[in-house]
Amino acid sequence: MTQNHDAFWSRCAPRVNIGVHSIPQPLKGRSHKVHLRFAESTNDASGNLNRLDIHGLKHELESLNLVKNAEVHRDLPNTLIIEITERQPAAVLKSGRNTYTVDSEGYILEATPNVALPEVNVDFGIAVDGKKIADELINQIAAALASDDAKNIKNMHIDRNREIYFTLYNVEPRFYLEKNMLNDNYIRKARTLSAGLSNSNIKIPKHIDIYSFDDKSIGFY
């Protein structure tokens, strides 16, 4: 079960303890640059920093579920600089009884900030390889849902034939796409269509098929 983002960092902080300070927690945001200053005298601090396995600490940090990248540098005599980039949640996947929060690369996150995410309901079992979704289509969708335009998507459905439909916030129609068509352009296309229909006298359709980016290949019913 996905846990709270701050609670995750509170639990993980002791794993990366360096003897004098721990990683400040909770870490928030997309990227962090943390300066850890050793409290001992200058000579003792320099010795501790020189003995510190910074490559091992980098590896330990990057083994944490929410860390996408970590850089560790010495700034003698008594400062250690740690730069962390967090994985950002893109969508919540639901398949049967399984629920996964994933980032844009399909990595399954143990914790997420308290933010609204597109919900993707999948009619088939999702293959998982360790910490990552092992389905090419699902990972393509996760990458598309990481964009700013995708924040307008309320929920999405993928059927057994891998056809896709989604709904936007405060808009009635379902937008249907063929598989492998979901990307920023089509999400923006759906937003443009919904805005145009809302500002017209045309009865809002329940379904809109977007077969291509060409307006001539759009169906309403």
Protein backbone atom coordinates (compact mmCIF):
# COMPACT_ATOMS: atom_id res chain seq x y z
CA MET A 1 0.00 0.00 0.00
CA THR A 2 1.34 3.41 -0.94
CA GLN A 3 2.45 5.36 2.09
CA ASN A 4 2.71 9.06 2.83
CA HIS A 5 5.66 10.80 1.17
CA ASP A 6 6.97 12.40 4.39
CA ALA A 7 6.58 9.16 6.35
CA PHE A 8 8.64 7.36 3.70
CA TRP A 9 11.57 9.74 4.09
CA SER A 10 11.31 9.56 7.89
CA ARG A 11 11.65 5.77 7.66
CA CYS A 12 14.51 5.88 5.15
CA ALA A 13 16.64 8.61 6.77
CA PRO A 14 18.44 6.23 9.21
CA ARG A 15 19.58 4.05 6.28
CA VAL A 16 21.81 6.84 4.98
CA ASN A 17 23.22 8.01 8.33
CA ILE A 18 26.84 9.14 7.91
CA GLY A 19 27.84 9.13 11.56
CA VAL A 20 27.39 12.82 12.32
CA HIS A 21 24.24 13.88 10.46
CA SER A 22 21.43 12.12 8.62
CA ILE A 23 19.67 13.23 5.48
CA PRO A 24 17.25 15.95 6.64
CA GLN A 25 13.70 14.70 6.40
CA PRO A 26 11.20 15.03 5.03
CA LEU A 27 12.66 15.83 1.61
CA LYS A 28 10.17 17.60 -0.63
CA GLY A 29 10.05 18.82 -4.19
CA ARG A 30 11.72 17.68 -7.35
CA SER A 31 15.35 18.33 -6.42
CA HIS A 32 17.26 19.02 -3.24
CA LYS A 33 20.76 20.24 -2.50
CA VAL A 34 21.71 19.49 1.09
CA HIS A 35 24.85 20.71 2.86
CA LEU A 36 25.75 18.50 5.83
CA ARG A 37 28.28 20.16 8.11
CA PHE A 38 30.42 18.07 10.46
CA ALA A 39 30.50 19.41 14.00
CA GLU A 40 33.99 18.26 15.06
CA SER A 41 37.16 20.30 14.93
CA THR A 42 38.51 21.00 11.46
CA ASN A 43 41.16 18.24 11.55
CA ASP A 44 38.72 15.56 12.78
CA ALA A 45 36.08 16.62 10.28
CA SER A 46 38.50 16.47 7.36
CA GLY A 47 39.61 13.01 8.40
CA ASN A 48 36.04 11.78 8.65
CA LEU A 49 35.18 13.20 5.24
CA ASN A 50 38.23 11.64 3.61
CA ARG A 51 37.35 8.24 5.09
CA LEU A 52 33.72 8.47 4.04
CA ASP A 53 32.74 6.14 1.18
CA ILE A 54 30.92 8.69 -0.97
CA HIS A 55 30.39 6.17 -3.79
CA GLY A 56 28.79 3.78 -1.32
CA LEU A 57 26.59 6.58 0.02
CA LYS A 58 25.54 7.50 -3.53
CA HIS A 59 24.62 3.86 -4.19
CA GLU A 60 22.70 3.68 -0.90
CA LEU A 61 20.75 6.82 -1.72
CA GLU A 62 19.90 5.64 -5.22
CA SER A 63 18.64 2.35 -3.81
CA LEU A 64 15.85 4.30 -2.09
CA ASN A 65 12.58 4.00 -3.92
CA LEU A 66 11.91 7.73 -4.35
CA VAL A 67 15.42 8.67 -5.50
CA LYS A 68 15.98 8.99 -9.24
CA ASN A 69 19.52 10.33 -9.00
CA ALA A 70 21.96 11.25 -6.23
CA GLU A 71 25.28 13.10 -6.34
CA VAL A 72 27.62 13.23 -3.33
CA HIS A 73 30.58 15.63 -3.08
CA ARG A 74 33.14 16.60 -0.42
CA ASP A 75 33.65 20.28 0.37
CA LEU A 76 36.60 20.22 2.76
CA PRO A 77 37.27 20.82 5.54
CA ASN A 78 33.92 19.89 7.09
CA THR A 79 31.02 19.83 4.59
CA LEU A 80 29.38 17.08 2.59
CA ILE A 81 27.11 18.15 -0.28
CA ILE A 82 24.33 15.81 -1.35
CA GLU A 83 22.11 16.53 -4.37
CA ILE A 84 19.00 14.39 -4.71
CA THR A 85 16.45 14.28 -7.53
CA GLU A 86 13.21 12.55 -6.58
CA ARG A 87 11.05 10.44 -8.83
CA GLN A 88 7.77 12.25 -9.46
CA PRO A 89 4.44 10.36 -9.58
CA ALA A 90 2.68 10.39 -12.95
CA ALA A 91 -0.37 8.15 -12.52
CA VAL A 92 -2.18 5.61 -10.37
CA LEU A 93 -2.66 2.26 -12.14
CA LYS A 94 -5.48 -0.07 -11.11
CA SER A 95 -5.60 -3.64 -12.37
CA GLY A 96 -7.92 -6.02 -10.53
CA ARG A 97 -6.99 -5.82 -6.86
CA ASN A 98 -3.58 -4.30 -7.58
CA THR A 99 -2.89 -0.57 -7.39
CA TYR A 100 0.43 0.98 -8.42
CA THR A 101 1.60 4.58 -8.29
CA VAL A 102 4.20 5.03 -11.04
CA ASP A 103 6.52 7.72 -12.33
CA SER A 104 7.10 8.66 -15.98
CA GLU A 105 9.47 5.72 -16.49
CA GLY A 106 7.10 3.13 -15.03
CA TYR A 107 8.91 2.79 -11.69
CA ILE A 108 6.55 1.79 -8.89
CA LEU A 109 6.72 4.30 -6.03
CA GLU A 110 6.28 3.31 -2.40
CA ALA A 111 5.19 6.80 -1.43
CA THR A 112 3.76 9.88 -3.10
CA PRO A 113 3.02 13.48 -2.14
CA ASN A 114 -0.62 14.27 -1.52
CA VAL A 115 -1.43 15.38 -5.07
CA ALA A 116 -4.18 14.51 -7.55
CA LEU A 117 -3.03 12.04 -10.19
CA PRO A 118 -4.76 10.59 -13.27
CA GLU A 119 -6.31 7.22 -12.43
CA VAL A 120 -5.74 4.52 -15.06
CA ASN A 121 -8.01 1.47 -14.92
CA VAL A 122 -6.62 -1.52 -16.81
CA ASP A 123 -8.73 -4.51 -17.89
CA PHE A 124 -5.80 -6.93 -17.98
CA GLY A 125 -3.00 -8.02 -15.68
CA ILE A 126 0.00 -5.71 -15.54
CA ALA A 127 3.42 -7.35 -15.75
CA VAL A 128 5.87 -6.17 -13.10
CA ASP A 129 9.64 -6.70 -13.14
CA GLY A 130 11.00 -5.91 -9.70
CA LYS A 131 10.34 -2.23 -9.05
CA LYS A 132 9.21 -1.41 -12.59
CA ILE A 133 6.16 -1.96 -14.80
CA ALA A 134 7.14 -4.35 -17.61
CA ASP A 135 4.46 -3.41 -20.15
CA GLU A 136 5.55 -1.18 -23.04
CA LEU A 137 2.12 0.38 -23.61
CA ILE A 138 1.60 1.14 -19.90
CA ASN A 139 5.03 2.77 -19.72
CA GLN A 140 4.27 4.89 -22.81
CA ILE A 141 1.08 6.04 -21.10
CA ALA A 142 2.93 6.81 -17.86
CA ALA A 143 5.40 8.98 -19.80
CA ALA A 144 2.54 10.87 -21.48
CA LEU A 145 0.71 11.36 -18.18
CA ALA A 146 3.76 13.03 -16.63
CA SER A 147 3.23 16.14 -18.78
CA ASP A 148 1.56 19.31 -17.54
CA ASP A 149 -1.24 18.86 -20.08
CA ALA A 150 -2.09 15.47 -18.55
CA LYS A 151 -3.05 17.14 -15.26
CA ASN A 152 -6.41 17.80 -16.92
CA ILE A 153 -7.08 14.06 -17.23
CA LYS A 154 -9.37 12.76 -14.51
CA ASN A 155 -9.33 9.07 -15.34
CA MET A 156 -8.44 6.67 -18.13
CA HIS A 157 -9.46 3.18 -19.15
CA ILE A 158 -7.50 0.60 -21.16
CA ASP A 159 -9.45 -2.45 -22.34
CA ARG A 160 -8.20 -5.93 -23.22
CA ASN A 161 -7.72 -4.88 -26.85
CA ARG A 162 -5.52 -2.07 -25.54
CA GLU A 163 -7.81 0.64 -26.79
CA ILE A 164 -7.89 3.77 -24.65
CA TYR A 165 -10.47 6.28 -23.55
CA PHE A 166 -10.16 9.07 -21.00
CA THR A 167 -12.17 11.87 -19.45
CA LEU A 168 -11.10 15.39 -18.51
CA TYR A 169 -12.05 17.32 -15.39
CA ASN A 170 -15.36 19.19 -15.71
CA VAL A 171 -15.97 17.83 -19.24
CA GLU A 172 -18.60 15.24 -20.15
CA PRO A 173 -17.31 13.40 -23.27
CA ARG A 174 -15.13 10.33 -23.25
CA PHE A 175 -12.21 10.69 -25.65
CA TYR A 176 -11.31 7.48 -27.47
CA LEU A 177 -7.88 6.76 -28.94
CA GLU A 178 -6.31 3.82 -30.66
CA LYS A 179 -3.42 2.22 -28.81
CA ASN A 180 -0.01 3.91 -28.95
CA MET A 181 -1.66 7.25 -29.75
CA LEU A 182 -1.58 8.87 -26.32
CA ASN A 183 0.85 11.79 -26.16
CA ASP A 184 0.91 15.53 -25.37
CA ASN A 185 -0.49 16.46 -28.80
CA TYR A 186 -3.59 14.31 -28.41
CA ILE A 187 -4.20 15.44 -24.84
CA ARG A 188 -4.05 19.07 -26.00
CA LYS A 189 -6.31 18.15 -28.92
CA ALA A 190 -8.91 16.77 -26.50
CA ARG A 191 -8.74 19.96 -24.40
CA THR A 192 -9.16 22.14 -27.50
CA LEU A 193 -12.14 20.10 -28.69
CA SER A 194 -13.84 20.21 -25.30
CA ALA A 195 -13.32 23.97 -25.00
CA GLY A 196 -14.71 24.52 -28.50
CA LEU A 197 -17.79 22.42 -27.83
CA SER A 198 -18.44 24.12 -24.51
CA ASN A 199 -18.44 27.52 -26.23
CA SER A 200 -20.79 26.45 -29.05
CA ASN A 201 -24.49 25.70 -29.37
CA ILE A 202 -23.79 22.11 -30.36
CA LYS A 203 -25.11 19.39 -28.10
CA ILE A 204 -22.16 17.92 -26.21
CA PRO A 205 -21.55 14.33 -27.43
CA LYS A 206 -20.91 11.51 -24.99
CA HIS A 207 -18.08 10.05 -27.04
CA ILE A 208 -15.39 11.61 -29.22
CA ASP A 209 -13.12 9.41 -31.33
CA ILE A 210 -9.73 10.89 -32.22
CA TYR A 211 -8.32 8.68 -34.98
CA SER A 212 -5.57 11.06 -35.97
CA PHE A 213 -4.43 14.62 -35.34
CA ASP A 214 -6.34 15.69 -38.45
CA ASP A 215 -9.74 17.26 -37.66
CA LYS A 216 -11.27 15.23 -40.53
CA SER A 217 -10.57 12.03 -38.58
CA ILE A 218 -12.59 12.91 -35.49
CA GLY A 219 -15.91 11.21 -34.78
CA PHE A 220 -18.72 12.44 -32.50
CA TYR A 221 -21.57 10.31 -31.15
